């Protein structure tokens, strides 16, 4: 089971989609996590199917920023535990060997004033 995580900074550009297609083809990930998709759920779902994924979850963008999407192949089952504009928290079960994993797919805040300072 392999994963691809990428801050794509917008899936609306043809070159970005082409690069994503190449990455998916060459690495054959079981799961793809994209940050800053900057597309609404409908367009992300269309792209997901075009790139060979039929299961997924999307956190819509806020204004013109953000947008998270998580896609997965049939070899894994994914349970969404929680989500917000910066997080998709999941339990992933590998169908091949029955193992379970907890994945928290995180994207840091886009705006400086939203970042925690310690």
PDB file of N, CA and C in Angstrom:
ATOM      1  N   UNK A   1       0.853  -1.169   0.000  1.00  0.00           N
ATOM      2  CA  UNK A   1       0.000   0.000   0.000  1.00  0.00           C
ATOM      3  C   UNK A   1       0.902   1.236   0.000  1.00  0.00           C
ATOM      4  N   UNK A   2       0.757   2.068  -1.024  1.00  0.00           N
ATOM      5  CA  UNK A   2       1.543   3.298  -1.099  1.00  0.00           C
ATOM      6  C   UNK A   2       0.604   4.501  -1.146  1.00  0.00           C
ATOM      7  N   UNK A   3       1.171   5.657  -0.806  1.00  0.00           N
ATOM      8  CA  UNK A   3       0.379   6.884  -0.727  1.00  0.00           C
ATOM      9  C   UNK A   3       1.095   8.008  -1.449  1.00  0.00           C
ATOM     10  N   UNK A   4       0.289   8.913  -1.986  1.00  0.00           N
ATOM     11  CA  UNK A   4       0.808  10.118  -2.614  1.00  0.00           C
ATOM     12  C   UNK A   4       0.161  11.302  -1.917  1.00  0.00           C
ATOM     13  N   UNK A   5       0.967  12.222  -1.435  1.00  0.00           N
ATOM     14  CA  UNK A   5       0.482  13.432  -0.787  1.00  0.00           C
ATOM     15  C   UNK A   5       1.147  14.607  -1.481  1.00  0.00           C
ATOM     16  N   UNK A   6       0.314  15.573  -1.937  1.00  0.00           N
ATOM     17  CA  UNK A   6       0.861  16.654  -2.746  1.00  0.00           C
ATOM     18  C   UNK A   6       0.088  17.949  -2.535  1.00  0.00           C
ATOM     19  N   UNK A   7       0.825  19.031  -2.285  1.00  0.00           N
ATOM     20  CA  UNK A   7       0.233  20.362  -2.275  1.00  0.00           C
ATOM     21  C   UNK A   7       0.256  20.843  -3.720  1.00  0.00           C
ATOM     22  N   UNK A   8      -0.834  20.619  -4.427  1.00  0.00           N
ATOM     23  CA  UNK A   8      -0.853  20.875  -5.870  1.00  0.00           C
ATOM     24  C   UNK A   8      -1.115  22.336  -6.221  1.00  0.00           C
ATOM     25  N   UNK A   9      -1.543  23.152  -5.259  1.00  0.00           N
ATOM     26  CA  UNK A   9      -1.791  24.584  -5.466  1.00  0.00           C
ATOM     27  C   UNK A   9      -2.728  24.866  -6.630  1.00  0.00           C
ATOM     28  N   UNK A  10      -3.734  24.028  -6.749  1.00  0.00           N
ATOM     29  CA  UNK A  10      -4.756  24.234  -7.777  1.00  0.00           C
ATOM     30  C   UNK A  10      -4.764  23.139  -8.810  1.00  0.00           C
ATOM     31  N   UNK A  11      -5.877  22.429  -8.895  1.00  0.00           N
ATOM     32  CA  UNK A  11      -6.023  21.352  -9.871  1.00  0.00           C
ATOM     33  C   UNK A  11      -6.642  21.832 -11.179  1.00  0.00           C
ATOM     34  N   UNK A  12      -6.862  23.120 -11.301  1.00  0.00           N
ATOM     35  CA  UNK A  12      -7.511  23.644 -12.489  1.00  0.00           C
ATOM     36  C   UNK A  12      -6.590  23.835 -13.688  1.00  0.00           C
ATOM     37  N   UNK A  13      -5.301  23.726 -13.491  1.00  0.00           N
ATOM     38  CA  UNK A  13      -4.359  23.958 -14.585  1.00  0.00           C
ATOM     39  C   UNK A  13      -3.984  22.632 -15.251  1.00  0.00           C
ATOM     40  N   UNK A  14      -3.924  22.648 -16.565  1.00  0.00           N
ATOM     41  CA  UNK A  14      -3.653  21.427 -17.342  1.00  0.00           C
ATOM     42  C   UNK A  14      -2.309  20.801 -16.991  1.00  0.00           C
ATOM     43  N   UNK A  15      -1.275  21.608 -16.764  1.00  0.00           N
ATOM     44  CA  UNK A  15       0.044  21.064 -16.438  1.00  0.00           C
ATOM     45  C   UNK A  15       0.040  20.331 -15.094  1.00  0.00           C
ATOM     46  N   UNK A  16      -0.717  20.839 -14.143  1.00  0.00           N
ATOM     47  CA  UNK A  16      -0.808  20.190 -12.833  1.00  0.00           C
ATOM     48  C   UNK A  16      -1.512  18.845 -12.975  1.00  0.00           C
ATOM     49  N   UNK A  17      -2.606  18.815 -13.716  1.00  0.00           N
ATOM     50  CA  UNK A  17      -3.336  17.564 -13.927  1.00  0.00           C
ATOM     51  C   UNK A  17      -2.459  16.558 -14.666  1.00  0.00           C
ATOM     52  N   UNK A  18      -1.704  17.016 -15.648  1.00  0.00           N
ATOM     53  CA  UNK A  18      -0.799  16.136 -16.394  1.00  0.00           C
ATOM     54  C   UNK A  18       0.266  15.546 -15.466  1.00  0.00           C
ATOM     55  N   UNK A  19       0.851  16.372 -14.602  1.00  0.00           N
ATOM     56  CA  UNK A  19       1.858  15.886 -13.662  1.00  0.00           C
ATOM     57  C   UNK A  19       1.254  14.895 -12.672  1.00  0.00           C
ATOM     58  N   UNK A  20       0.057  15.188 -12.188  1.00  0.00           N
ATOM     59  CA  UNK A  20      -0.626  14.271 -11.273  1.00  0.00           C
ATOM     60  C   UNK A  20      -0.894  12.935 -11.954  1.00  0.00           C
ATOM     61  N   UNK A  21      -1.344  12.985 -13.190  1.00  0.00           N
ATOM     62  CA  UNK A  21      -1.586  11.761 -13.959  1.00  0.00           C
ATOM     63  C   UNK A  21      -0.294  10.938 -14.076  1.00  0.00           C
ATOM     64  N   UNK A  22       0.824  11.605 -14.362  1.00  0.00           N
ATOM     65  CA  UNK A  22       2.121  10.925 -14.469  1.00  0.00           C
ATOM     66  C   UNK A  22       2.534  10.297 -13.138  1.00  0.00           C
ATOM     67  N   UNK A  23       2.347  11.033 -12.042  1.00  0.00           N
ATOM     68  CA  UNK A  23       2.699  10.509 -10.721  1.00  0.00           C
ATOM     69  C   UNK A  23       1.865   9.281 -10.366  1.00  0.00           C
ATOM     70  N   UNK A  24       0.580   9.354 -10.644  1.00  0.00           N
ATOM     71  CA  UNK A  24      -0.305   8.224 -10.357  1.00  0.00           C
ATOM     72  C   UNK A  24       0.073   7.025 -11.216  1.00  0.00           C
ATOM     73  N   UNK A  25       0.355   7.265 -12.474  1.00  0.00           N
ATOM     74  CA  UNK A  25       0.724   6.177 -13.377  1.00  0.00           C
ATOM     75  C   UNK A  25       2.042   5.518 -12.964  1.00  0.00           C
ATOM     76  N   UNK A  26       3.025   6.320 -12.603  1.00  0.00           N
ATOM     77  CA  UNK A  26       4.345   5.760 -12.299  1.00  0.00           C
ATOM     78  C   UNK A  26       4.440   5.130 -10.908  1.00  0.00           C
ATOM     79  N   UNK A  27       3.652   5.614  -9.936  1.00  0.00           N
ATOM     80  CA  UNK A  27       3.759   5.105  -8.566  1.00  0.00           C
ATOM     81  C   UNK A  27       2.594   4.211  -8.144  1.00  0.00           C
ATOM     82  N   UNK A  28       1.483   4.245  -8.867  1.00  0.00           N
ATOM     83  CA  UNK A  28       0.290   3.438  -8.564  1.00  0.00           C
ATOM     84  C   UNK A  28      -0.072   3.463  -7.076  1.00  0.00           C
ATOM     85  N   UNK A  29      -0.314   4.657  -6.513  1.00  0.00           N
ATOM     86  CA  UNK A  29      -0.624   4.728  -5.085  1.00  0.00           C
ATOM     87  C   UNK A  29      -2.012   4.160  -4.766  1.00  0.00           C
ATOM     88  N   UNK A  30      -2.134   3.614  -3.565  1.00  0.00           N
ATOM     89  CA  UNK A  30      -3.426   3.145  -3.069  1.00  0.00           C
ATOM     90  C   UNK A  30      -4.287   4.318  -2.620  1.00  0.00           C
ATOM     91  N   UNK A  31      -3.605   5.385  -2.167  1.00  0.00           N
ATOM     92  CA  UNK A  31      -4.308   6.569  -1.686  1.00  0.00           C
ATOM     93  C   UNK A  31      -3.606   7.819  -2.207  1.00  0.00           C
ATOM     94  N   UNK A  32      -4.415   8.837  -2.510  1.00  0.00           N
ATOM     95  CA  UNK A  32      -3.899  10.129  -2.971  1.00  0.00           C
ATOM     96  C   UNK A  32      -4.537  11.216  -2.113  1.00  0.00           C
ATOM     97  N   UNK A  33      -3.682  12.033  -1.489  1.00  0.00           N
ATOM     98  CA  UNK A  33      -4.144  13.170  -0.694  1.00  0.00           C
ATOM     99  C   UNK A  33      -3.644  14.435  -1.361  1.00  0.00           C
ATOM    100  N   UNK A  34      -4.574  15.304  -1.752  1.00  0.00           N
ATOM    101  CA  UNK A  34      -4.221  16.544  -2.437  1.00  0.00           C
ATOM    102  C   UNK A  34      -4.657  17.730  -1.597  1.00  0.00           C
ATOM    103  N   UNK A  35      -3.732  18.676  -1.431  1.00  0.00           N
ATOM    104  CA  UNK A  35      -3.995  19.900  -0.678  1.00  0.00           C
ATOM    105  C   UNK A  35      -4.058  21.074  -1.638  1.00  0.00           C
ATOM    106  N   UNK A  36      -4.805  22.091  -1.257  1.00  0.00           N
ATOM    107  CA  UNK A  36      -4.963  23.286  -2.089  1.00  0.00           C
ATOM    108  C   UNK A  36      -5.502  22.919  -3.474  1.00  0.00           C
ATOM    109  N   UNK A  37      -6.512  22.052  -3.504  1.00  0.00           N
ATOM    110  CA  UNK A  37      -7.107  21.652  -4.777  1.00  0.00           C
ATOM    111  C   UNK A  37      -7.733  22.858  -5.491  1.00  0.00           C
ATOM    112  N   UNK A  38      -8.285  23.764  -4.722  1.00  0.00           N
ATOM    113  CA  UNK A  38      -8.877  25.006  -5.239  1.00  0.00           C
ATOM    114  C   UNK A  38      -9.956  24.745  -6.300  1.00  0.00           C
ATOM    115  N   UNK A  39     -10.665  23.632  -6.156  1.00  0.00           N
ATOM    116  CA  UNK A  39     -11.801  23.306  -7.023  1.00  0.00           C
ATOM    117  C   UNK A  39     -12.968  22.882  -6.146  1.00  0.00           C
ATOM    118  N   UNK A  40     -14.190  23.058  -6.648  1.00  0.00           N
ATOM    119  CA  UNK A  40     -15.336  22.599  -5.882  1.00  0.00           C
ATOM    120  C   UNK A  40     -15.441  21.066  -5.950  1.00  0.00           C
ATOM    121  N   UNK A  41     -16.271  20.511  -5.086  1.00  0.00           N
ATOM    122  CA  UNK A  41     -16.383  19.049  -4.969  1.00  0.00           C
ATOM    123  C   UNK A  41     -16.750  18.378  -6.284  1.00  0.00           C
ATOM    124  N   UNK A  42     -17.623  18.990  -7.045  1.00  0.00           N
ATOM    125  CA  UNK A  42     -18.064  18.381  -8.313  1.00  0.00           C
ATOM    126  C   UNK A  42     -16.890  18.227  -9.282  1.00  0.00           C
ATOM    127  N   UNK A  43     -16.099  19.267  -9.449  1.00  0.00           N
ATOM    128  CA  UNK A  43     -14.952  19.201 -10.376  1.00  0.00           C
ATOM    129  C   UNK A  43     -13.879  18.243  -9.880  1.00  0.00           C
ATOM    130  N   UNK A  44     -13.661  18.196  -8.563  1.00  0.00           N
ATOM    131  CA  UNK A  44     -12.691  17.252  -8.008  1.00  0.00           C
ATOM    132  C   UNK A  44     -13.164  15.821  -8.250  1.00  0.00           C
ATOM    133  N   UNK A  45     -14.458  15.565  -8.088  1.00  0.00           N
ATOM    134  CA  UNK A  45     -15.002  14.223  -8.319  1.00  0.00           C
ATOM    135  C   UNK A  45     -14.852  13.798  -9.775  1.00  0.00           C
ATOM    136  N   UNK A  46     -15.058  14.708 -10.691  1.00  0.00           N
ATOM    137  CA  UNK A  46     -14.873  14.391 -12.109  1.00  0.00           C
ATOM    138  C   UNK A  46     -13.415  14.023 -12.390  1.00  0.00           C
ATOM    139  N   UNK A  47     -12.495  14.806 -11.841  1.00  0.00           N
ATOM    140  CA  UNK A  47     -11.078  14.551 -12.036  1.00  0.00           C
ATOM    141  C   UNK A  47     -10.661  13.221 -11.394  1.00  0.00           C
ATOM    142  N   UNK A  48     -11.200  12.950 -10.227  1.00  0.00           N
ATOM    143  CA  UNK A  48     -10.916  11.688  -9.534  1.00  0.00           C
ATOM    144  C   UNK A  48     -11.232  10.499 -10.432  1.00  0.00           C
ATOM    145  N   UNK A  49     -12.393  10.503 -11.051  1.00  0.00           N
ATOM    146  CA  UNK A  49     -12.796   9.400 -11.944  1.00  0.00           C
ATOM    147  C   UNK A  49     -11.903   9.345 -13.188  1.00  0.00           C
ATOM    148  N   UNK A  50     -11.557  10.493 -13.739  1.00  0.00           N
ATOM    149  CA  UNK A  50     -10.688  10.532 -14.922  1.00  0.00           C
ATOM    150  C   UNK A  50      -9.314   9.929 -14.628  1.00  0.00           C
ATOM    151  N   UNK A  51      -8.868  10.045 -13.384  1.00  0.00           N
ATOM    152  CA  UNK A  51      -7.550   9.540 -13.011  1.00  0.00           C
ATOM    153  C   UNK A  51      -7.601   8.125 -12.435  1.00  0.00           C
ATOM    154  N   UNK A  52      -8.760   7.479 -12.523  1.00  0.00           N
ATOM    155  CA  UNK A  52      -8.861   6.068 -12.169  1.00  0.00           C
ATOM    156  C   UNK A  52      -9.251   5.744 -10.740  1.00  0.00           C
ATOM    157  N   UNK A  53      -9.721   6.718  -9.991  1.00  0.00           N
ATOM    158  CA  UNK A  53     -10.181   6.481  -8.619  1.00  0.00           C
ATOM    159  C   UNK A  53     -11.693   6.649  -8.573  1.00  0.00           C
ATOM    160  N   UNK A  54     -12.358   5.761  -7.852  1.00  0.00           N
ATOM    161  CA  UNK A  54     -13.807   5.827  -7.792  1.00  0.00           C
ATOM    162  C   UNK A  54     -14.327   6.058  -6.375  1.00  0.00           C
ATOM    163  N   UNK A  55     -13.431   6.000  -5.409  1.00  0.00           N
ATOM    164  CA  UNK A  55     -13.805   6.279  -4.033  1.00  0.00           C
ATOM    165  C   UNK A  55     -12.992   7.476  -3.561  1.00  0.00           C
ATOM    166  N   UNK A  56     -13.637   8.333  -2.769  1.00  0.00           N
ATOM    167  CA  UNK A  56     -12.924   9.502  -2.292  1.00  0.00           C
ATOM    168  C   UNK A  56     -13.747  10.343  -1.351  1.00  0.00           C
ATOM    169  N   UNK A  57     -13.095  11.333  -0.796  1.00  0.00           N
ATOM    170  CA  UNK A  57     -13.716  12.277   0.134  1.00  0.00           C
ATOM    171  C   UNK A  57     -13.099  13.634  -0.141  1.00  0.00           C
ATOM    172  N   UNK A  58     -13.917  14.673  -0.067  1.00  0.00           N
ATOM    173  CA  UNK A  58     -13.456  16.005  -0.409  1.00  0.00           C
ATOM    174  C   UNK A  58     -13.927  17.004   0.643  1.00  0.00           C
ATOM    175  N   UNK A  59     -13.022  17.873   1.065  1.00  0.00           N
ATOM    176  CA  UNK A  59     -13.364  19.012   1.920  1.00  0.00           C
ATOM    177  C   UNK A  59     -13.319  20.230   1.015  1.00  0.00           C
ATOM    178  N   UNK A  60     -14.452  20.890   0.876  1.00  0.00           N
ATOM    179  CA  UNK A  60     -14.573  21.998  -0.072  1.00  0.00           C
ATOM    180  C   UNK A  60     -13.661  23.162   0.302  1.00  0.00           C
ATOM    181  N   UNK A  61     -13.277  23.916  -0.715  1.00  0.00           N
ATOM    182  CA  UNK A  61     -12.438  25.082  -0.501  1.00  0.00           C
ATOM    183  C   UNK A  61     -13.217  26.165   0.247  1.00  0.00           C
ATOM    184  N   UNK A  62     -12.468  27.087   0.863  1.00  0.00           N
ATOM    185  CA  UNK A  62     -13.054  28.220   1.581  1.00  0.00           C
ATOM    186  C   UNK A  62     -12.697  29.457   0.782  1.00  0.00           C
ATOM    187  N   UNK A  63     -13.705  30.077   0.161  1.00  0.00           N
ATOM    188  CA  UNK A  63     -13.435  31.193  -0.735  1.00  0.00           C
ATOM    189  C   UNK A  63     -12.660  30.692  -1.936  1.00  0.00           C
ATOM    190  N   UNK A  64     -11.476  31.231  -2.151  1.00  0.00           N
ATOM    191  CA  UNK A  64     -10.624  30.779  -3.253  1.00  0.00           C
ATOM    192  C   UNK A  64      -9.424  29.977  -2.761  1.00  0.00           C
ATOM    193  N   UNK A  65      -9.405  29.661  -1.480  1.00  0.00           N
ATOM    194  CA  UNK A  65      -8.243  28.975  -0.908  1.00  0.00           C
ATOM    195  C   UNK A  65      -8.628  27.599  -0.377  1.00  0.00           C
ATOM    196  N   UNK A  66      -7.623  26.742  -0.302  1.00  0.00           N
ATOM    197  CA  UNK A  66      -7.788  25.446   0.344  1.00  0.00           C
ATOM    198  C   UNK A  66      -8.432  24.405  -0.536  1.00  0.00           C
ATOM    199  N   UNK A  67      -9.103  23.512   0.112  1.00  0.00           N
ATOM    200  CA  UNK A  67      -9.710  22.378  -0.548  1.00  0.00           C
ATOM    201  C   UNK A  67      -8.812  21.157  -0.393  1.00  0.00           C
ATOM    202  N   UNK A  68      -9.308  20.156   0.306  1.00  0.00           N
ATOM    203  CA  UNK A  68      -8.585  18.903   0.499  1.00  0.00           C
ATOM    204  C   UNK A  68      -9.347  17.792  -0.191  1.00  0.00           C
ATOM    205  N   UNK A  69      -8.630  16.842  -0.729  1.00  0.00           N
ATOM    206  CA  UNK A  69      -9.285  15.677  -1.309  1.00  0.00           C
ATOM    207  C   UNK A  69      -8.458  14.436  -1.019  1.00  0.00           C
ATOM    208  N   UNK A  70      -9.148  13.352  -0.735  1.00  0.00           N
ATOM    209  CA  UNK A  70      -8.515  12.068  -0.467  1.00  0.00           C
ATOM    210  C   UNK A  70      -9.199  11.037  -1.360  1.00  0.00           C
ATOM    211  N   UNK A  71      -8.403  10.353  -2.166  1.00  0.00           N
ATOM    212  CA  UNK A  71      -8.918   9.302  -3.058  1.00  0.00           C
ATOM    213  C   UNK A  71      -8.284   7.985  -2.654  1.00  0.00           C
ATOM    214  N   UNK A  72      -8.992   6.878  -2.876  1.00  0.00           N
ATOM    215  CA  UNK A  72      -8.413   5.578  -2.563  1.00  0.00           C
ATOM    216  C   UNK A  72      -8.894   4.513  -3.534  1.00  0.00           C
ATOM    217  N   UNK A  73      -8.068   3.479  -3.654  1.00  0.00           N
ATOM    218  CA  UNK A  73      -8.340   2.379  -4.571  1.00  0.00           C
ATOM    219  C   UNK A  73      -9.184   1.314  -3.862  1.00  0.00           C
ATOM    220  N   UNK A  74      -9.724   0.365  -4.622  1.00  0.00           N
ATOM    221  CA  UNK A  74     -10.563  -0.681  -4.024  1.00  0.00           C
ATOM    222  C   UNK A  74      -9.828  -1.606  -3.050  1.00  0.00           C
ATOM    223  N   UNK A  75      -8.500  -1.589  -3.034  1.00  0.00           N
ATOM    224  CA  UNK A  75      -7.765  -2.478  -2.134  1.00  0.00           C
ATOM    225  C   UNK A  75      -7.798  -2.017  -0.678  1.00  0.00           C
ATOM    226  N   UNK A  76      -8.315  -0.803  -0.429  1.00  0.00           N
ATOM    227  CA  UNK A  76      -8.427  -0.304   0.944  1.00  0.00           C
ATOM    228  C   UNK A  76      -9.850   0.155   1.235  1.00  0.00           C
ATOM    229  N   UNK A  77     -10.233   0.017   2.492  1.00  0.00           N
ATOM    230  CA  UNK A  77     -11.481   0.579   2.989  1.00  0.00           C
ATOM    231  C   UNK A  77     -11.116   1.754   3.880  1.00  0.00           C
ATOM    232  N   UNK A  78     -11.816   2.854   3.717  1.00  0.00           N
ATOM    233  CA  UNK A  78     -11.502   4.060   4.476  1.00  0.00           C
ATOM    234  C   UNK A  78     -12.736   4.502   5.251  1.00  0.00           C
ATOM    235  N   UNK A  79     -12.534   4.750   6.534  1.00  0.00           N
ATOM    236  CA  UNK A  79     -13.575   5.316   7.386  1.00  0.00           C
ATOM    237  C   UNK A  79     -13.133   6.719   7.775  1.00  0.00           C
ATOM    238  N   UNK A  80     -13.966   7.710   7.480  1.00  0.00           N
ATOM    239  CA  UNK A  80     -13.667   9.098   7.834  1.00  0.00           C
ATOM    240  C   UNK A  80     -14.123   9.311   9.276  1.00  0.00           C
ATOM    241  N   UNK A  81     -13.191   9.658  10.148  1.00  0.00           N
ATOM    242  CA  UNK A  81     -13.514   9.889  11.560  1.00  0.00           C
ATOM    243  C   UNK A  81     -13.889  11.339  11.822  1.00  0.00           C
ATOM    244  N   UNK A  82     -13.144  12.265  11.217  1.00  0.00           N
ATOM    245  CA  UNK A  82     -13.389  13.696  11.410  1.00  0.00           C
ATOM    246  C   UNK A  82     -12.730  14.445  10.262  1.00  0.00           C
ATOM    247  N   UNK A  83     -13.199  15.664  10.050  1.00  0.00           N
ATOM    248  CA  UNK A  83     -12.588  16.503   9.019  1.00  0.00           C
ATOM    249  C   UNK A  83     -12.896  17.960   9.305  1.00  0.00           C
ATOM    250  N   UNK A  84     -12.039  18.818   8.793  1.00  0.00           N
ATOM    251  CA  UNK A  84     -12.290  20.251   8.745  1.00  0.00           C
ATOM    252  C   UNK A  84     -11.464  20.798   7.588  1.00  0.00           C
ATOM    253  N   UNK A  85     -11.314  22.101   7.497  1.00  0.00           N
ATOM    254  CA  UNK A  85     -10.634  22.680   6.333  1.00  0.00           C
ATOM    255  C   UNK A  85      -9.145  22.348   6.268  1.00  0.00           C
ATOM    256  N   UNK A  86      -8.562  21.809   7.367  1.00  0.00           N
ATOM    257  CA  UNK A  86      -7.138  21.485   7.396  1.00  0.00           C
ATOM    258  C   UNK A  86      -6.839  20.021   7.695  1.00  0.00           C
ATOM    259  N   UNK A  87      -7.856  19.177   7.797  1.00  0.00           N
ATOM    260  CA  UNK A  87      -7.638  17.822   8.277  1.00  0.00           C
ATOM    261  C   UNK A  87      -8.677  16.852   7.737  1.00  0.00           C
ATOM    262  N   UNK A  88      -8.211  15.660   7.387  1.00  0.00           N
ATOM    263  CA  UNK A  88      -9.101  14.517   7.171  1.00  0.00           C
ATOM    264  C   UNK A  88      -8.510  13.394   8.013  1.00  0.00           C
ATOM    265  N   UNK A  89      -9.233  12.983   9.045  1.00  0.00           N
ATOM    266  CA  UNK A  89      -8.776  11.951   9.970  1.00  0.00           C
ATOM    267  C   UNK A  89      -9.454  10.637   9.595  1.00  0.00           C
ATOM    268  N   UNK A  90      -8.674   9.569   9.416  1.00  0.00           N
ATOM    269  CA  UNK A  90      -9.217   8.324   8.875  1.00  0.00           C
ATOM    270  C   UNK A  90      -8.702   7.079   9.588  1.00  0.00           C
ATOM    271  N   UNK A  91      -9.455   6.017   9.433  1.00  0.00           N
ATOM    272  CA  UNK A  91      -9.004   4.657   9.706  1.00  0.00           C
ATOM    273  C   UNK A  91      -8.972   3.971   8.344  1.00  0.00           C
ATOM    274  N   UNK A  92      -7.848   3.344   8.025  1.00  0.00           N
ATOM    275  CA  UNK A  92      -7.677   2.684   6.734  1.00  0.00           C
ATOM    276  C   UNK A  92      -7.461   1.194   6.985  1.00  0.00           C
ATOM    277  N   UNK A  93      -8.240   0.379   6.280  1.00  0.00           N
ATOM    278  CA  UNK A  93      -8.091  -1.069   6.386  1.00  0.00           C
ATOM    279  C   UNK A  93      -7.590  -1.599   5.051  1.00  0.00           C
ATOM    280  N   UNK A  94      -6.474  -2.314   5.104  1.00  0.00           N
ATOM    281  CA  UNK A  94      -5.918  -2.948   3.914  1.00  0.00           C
ATOM    282  C   UNK A  94      -6.668  -4.260   3.690  1.00  0.00           C
ATOM    283  N   UNK A  95      -7.382  -4.374   2.583  1.00  0.00           N
ATOM    284  CA  UNK A  95      -8.162  -5.583   2.303  1.00  0.00           C
ATOM    285  C   UNK A  95      -7.282  -6.810   2.061  1.00  0.00           C
ATOM    286  N   UNK A  96      -6.050  -6.592   1.575  1.00  0.00           N
ATOM    287  CA  UNK A  96      -5.160  -7.718   1.278  1.00  0.00           C
ATOM    288  C   UNK A  96      -4.767  -8.503   2.520  1.00  0.00           C
ATOM    289  N   UNK A  97      -4.392  -7.795   3.586  1.00  0.00           N
ATOM    290  CA  UNK A  97      -3.922  -8.506   4.783  1.00  0.00           C
ATOM    291  C   UNK A  97      -4.723  -8.189   6.048  1.00  0.00           C
ATOM    292  N   UNK A  98      -5.754  -7.326   5.939  1.00  0.00           N
ATOM    293  CA  UNK A  98      -6.626  -7.036   7.074  1.00  0.00           C
ATOM    294  C   UNK A  98      -6.058  -6.062   8.098  1.00  0.00           C
ATOM    295  N   UNK A  99      -4.878  -5.516   7.854  1.00  0.00           N
ATOM    296  CA  UNK A  99      -4.302  -4.570   8.815  1.00  0.00           C
ATOM    297  C   UNK A  99      -5.068  -3.249   8.797  1.00  0.00           C
ATOM    298  N   UNK A 100      -5.088  -2.593   9.960  1.00  0.00           N
ATOM    299  CA  UNK A 100      -5.739  -1.292  10.120  1.00  0.00           C
ATOM    300  C   UNK A 100      -4.684  -0.248  10.450  1.00  0.00           C
ATOM    301  N   UNK A 101      -4.887   0.948   9.924  1.00  0.00           N
ATOM    302  CA  UNK A 101      -3.985   2.063  10.187  1.00  0.00           C
ATOM    303  C   UNK A 101      -4.825   3.297  10.477  1.00  0.00           C
ATOM    304  N   UNK A 102      -4.272   4.179  11.271  1.00  0.00           N
ATOM    305  CA  UNK A 102      -4.897   5.475  11.495  1.00  0.00           C
ATOM    306  C   UNK A 102      -4.056   6.509  10.768  1.00  0.00           C
ATOM    307  N   UNK A 103      -4.672   7.231   9.853  1.00  0.00           N
ATOM    308  CA  UNK A 103      -3.997   8.297   9.122  1.00  0.00           C
ATOM    309  C   UNK A 103      -4.711   9.610   9.384  1.00  0.00           C
ATOM    310  N   UNK A 104      -3.955  10.619   9.734  1.00  0.00           N
ATOM    311  CA  UNK A 104      -4.474  11.979   9.841  1.00  0.00           C
ATOM    312  C   UNK A 104      -3.801  12.770   8.726  1.00  0.00           C
ATOM    313  N   UNK A 105      -4.572  13.105   7.719  1.00  0.00           N
ATOM    314  CA  UNK A 105      -4.082  13.824   6.547  1.00  0.00           C
ATOM    315  C   UNK A 105      -4.229  15.308   6.855  1.00  0.00           C
ATOM    316  N   UNK A 106      -3.115  16.002   7.014  1.00  0.00           N
ATOM    317  CA  UNK A 106      -3.124  17.370   7.539  1.00  0.00           C
ATOM    318  C   UNK A 106      -2.525  18.346   6.537  1.00  0.00           C
ATOM    319  N   UNK A 107      -3.160  19.505   6.453  1.00  0.00           N
ATOM    320  CA  UNK A 107      -2.623  20.621   5.685  1.00  0.00           C
ATOM    321  C   UNK A 107      -2.608  21.840   6.595  1.00  0.00           C
ATOM    322  N   UNK A 108      -1.450  22.480   6.728  1.00  0.00           N
ATOM    323  CA  UNK A 108      -1.323  23.653   7.594  1.00  0.00           C
ATOM    324  C   UNK A 108      -2.148  24.824   7.096  1.00  0.00           C
ATOM    325  N   UNK A 109      -2.518  25.715   7.980  1.00  0.00           N
ATOM    326  CA  UNK A 109      -3.332  26.877   7.599  1.00  0.00           C
ATOM    327  C   UNK A 109      -2.670  27.711   6.504  1.00  0.00           C
ATOM    328  N   UNK A 110      -3.504  28.223   5.634  1.00  0.00           N
ATOM    329  CA  UNK A 110      -3.031  29.046   4.523  1.00  0.00           C
ATOM    330  C   UNK A 110      -2.664  30.459   4.960  1.00  0.00           C
ATOM    331  N   UNK A 111      -3.305  30.938   6.000  1.00  0.00           N
ATOM    332  CA  UNK A 111      -3.141  32.324   6.402  1.00  0.00           C
ATOM    333  C   UNK A 111      -2.343  32.427   7.694  1.00  0.00           C
ATOM    334  N   UNK A 112      -1.392  33.338   7.721  1.00  0.00           N
ATOM    335  CA  UNK A 112      -0.502  33.501   8.873  1.00  0.00           C
ATOM    336  C   UNK A 112      -1.263  33.674  10.177  1.00  0.00           C
ATOM    337  N   UNK A 113      -2.328  34.437  10.165  1.00  0.00           N
ATOM    338  CA  UNK A 113      -3.061  34.713  11.404  1.00  0.00           C
ATOM    339  C   UNK A 113      -3.763  33.468  11.964  1.00  0.00           C
ATOM    340  N   UNK A 114      -3.891  32.422  11.163  1.00  0.00           N
ATOM    341  CA  UNK A 114      -4.519  31.185  11.631  1.00  0.00           C
ATOM    342  C   UNK A 114      -3.500  30.193  12.216  1.00  0.00           C
ATOM    343  N   UNK A 115      -2.214  30.465  12.039  1.00  0.00           N
ATOM    344  CA  UNK A 115      -1.185  29.544  12.512  1.00  0.00           C
ATOM    345  C   UNK A 115      -0.962  29.715  14.020  1.00  0.00           C
ATOM    346  N   UNK A 116      -0.751  28.592  14.689  1.00  0.00           N
ATOM    347  CA  UNK A 116      -0.468  28.639  16.118  1.00  0.00           C
ATOM    348  C   UNK A 116       0.980  29.034  16.321  1.00  0.00           C
ATOM    349  N   UNK A 117       1.203  29.897  17.273  1.00  0.00           N
ATOM    350  CA  UNK A 117       2.562  30.316  17.591  1.00  0.00           C
ATOM    351  C   UNK A 117       2.842  29.873  19.033  1.00  0.00           C
ATOM    352  N   UNK A 118       3.913  29.125  19.205  1.00  0.00           N
ATOM    353  CA  UNK A 118       4.263  28.623  20.543  1.00  0.00           C
ATOM    354  C   UNK A 118       5.442  29.367  21.096  1.00  0.00           C
TER     355      UNK A 118
END
